[in-house]
C-alpha cells in the first residue's frame, strides 16, 4: 500500500521492517490541493489502534468484529 504514497506521507519502521502511511496528513494534503481551506478541515486526535478500547480497528483485531464508519461532508 505504501507504494501508492509519496515520501512525505510514509515512514520506514526498522523494527517492523515495513512502511507506515500517515493517512491523516495525506488526506489533509489532498483536500487542500482541491481548494478546501484548512479552516474547514478537522482532524480527529484519535487512533483506532491506540484508542482501541473505544474504536474498532480492522487490522488490529484481524477483522473479527466491529464496524467502520467514515463521514465526509460538504457544508454548502
Protein backbone atom coordinates (compact mmCIF):
# COMPACT_ATOMS: atom_id res chain seq x y z
CA UNK A 1 0.00 0.00 0.00
CA UNK A 2 2.80 2.43 0.86
CA UNK A 3 3.97 2.34 -2.77
CA UNK A 4 0.93 4.48 -3.62
CA UNK A 5 2.12 7.33 -1.36
CA UNK A 6 4.97 9.81 -1.71
CA UNK A 7 7.70 10.14 0.92
CA UNK A 8 6.15 12.99 2.96
CA UNK A 9 3.29 10.64 3.88
CA UNK A 10 5.17 7.46 4.75
CA UNK A 11 7.96 6.36 7.05
CA UNK A 12 10.08 3.22 7.28
CA UNK A 13 9.97 1.30 10.57
CA UNK A 14 13.26 -0.54 11.11
CA UNK A 15 11.90 -2.76 13.86
CA UNK A 16 8.89 -3.98 11.87
CA UNK A 17 10.68 -3.78 8.51
CA UNK A 18 7.80 -2.08 6.76
CA UNK A 19 6.42 1.31 5.78
CA UNK A 20 3.71 3.11 7.71
CA UNK A 21 1.48 5.68 5.99
CA UNK A 22 0.23 8.89 7.64
CA UNK A 23 -3.29 8.87 6.23
CA UNK A 24 -4.42 11.93 8.19
CA UNK A 25 -1.68 14.13 6.73
CA UNK A 26 -2.19 12.68 3.27
CA UNK A 27 -5.93 13.35 3.37
CA UNK A 28 -5.39 16.94 4.51
CA UNK A 29 -2.94 17.50 1.62
CA UNK A 30 -5.46 16.09 -0.88
CA UNK A 31 -8.25 18.30 0.45
CA UNK A 32 -6.04 21.40 0.40
CA UNK A 33 -4.94 20.60 -3.17
CA UNK A 34 -8.62 20.58 -4.15
CA UNK A 35 -9.10 24.04 -2.65
CA UNK A 36 -10.63 23.18 0.71
CA UNK A 37 -9.49 25.82 3.23
CA UNK A 38 -7.58 24.45 6.22
CA UNK A 39 -10.09 26.23 8.48
CA UNK A 40 -12.74 23.83 7.14
CA UNK A 41 -10.76 20.64 7.75
CA UNK A 42 -10.99 18.83 11.08
CA UNK A 43 -8.61 16.06 12.05
CA UNK A 44 -9.58 13.58 14.73
CA UNK A 45 -6.99 13.24 17.50
CA UNK A 46 -8.00 9.60 17.97
CA UNK A 47 -6.44 6.45 16.56
CA UNK A 48 -8.27 3.16 16.12
CA UNK A 49 -5.07 1.35 17.13
CA UNK A 50 -4.02 3.47 20.12
CA UNK A 51 -7.60 4.08 21.30
CA UNK A 52 -8.78 0.56 20.51
CA UNK A 53 -10.98 0.31 23.60
CA UNK A 54 -13.26 2.98 22.13
CA UNK A 55 -12.74 2.39 18.38
CA UNK A 56 -12.72 -0.74 16.26
CA UNK A 57 -9.54 -1.40 14.27
CA UNK A 58 -9.96 -3.92 11.46
CA UNK A 59 -6.22 -4.52 11.23
CA UNK A 60 -5.55 -4.75 14.96
CA UNK A 61 -8.49 -7.08 15.54
CA UNK A 62 -7.83 -9.08 12.36
CA UNK A 63 -11.31 -8.31 11.02
CA UNK A 64 -13.05 -10.47 13.59
CA UNK A 65 -15.54 -7.92 14.95
CA UNK A 66 -16.96 -4.41 14.70
CA UNK A 67 -17.89 -1.91 12.04
CA UNK A 68 -16.24 1.10 10.42
CA UNK A 69 -17.89 4.37 9.52
CA UNK A 70 -16.29 7.39 7.91
CA UNK A 71 -18.07 10.64 7.15
CA UNK A 72 -17.04 13.41 4.81
CA UNK A 73 -19.42 16.30 4.39
CA UNK A 74 -19.69 19.45 2.36
CA UNK A 75 -21.24 22.41 4.10
CA UNK A 76 -22.72 24.43 1.28
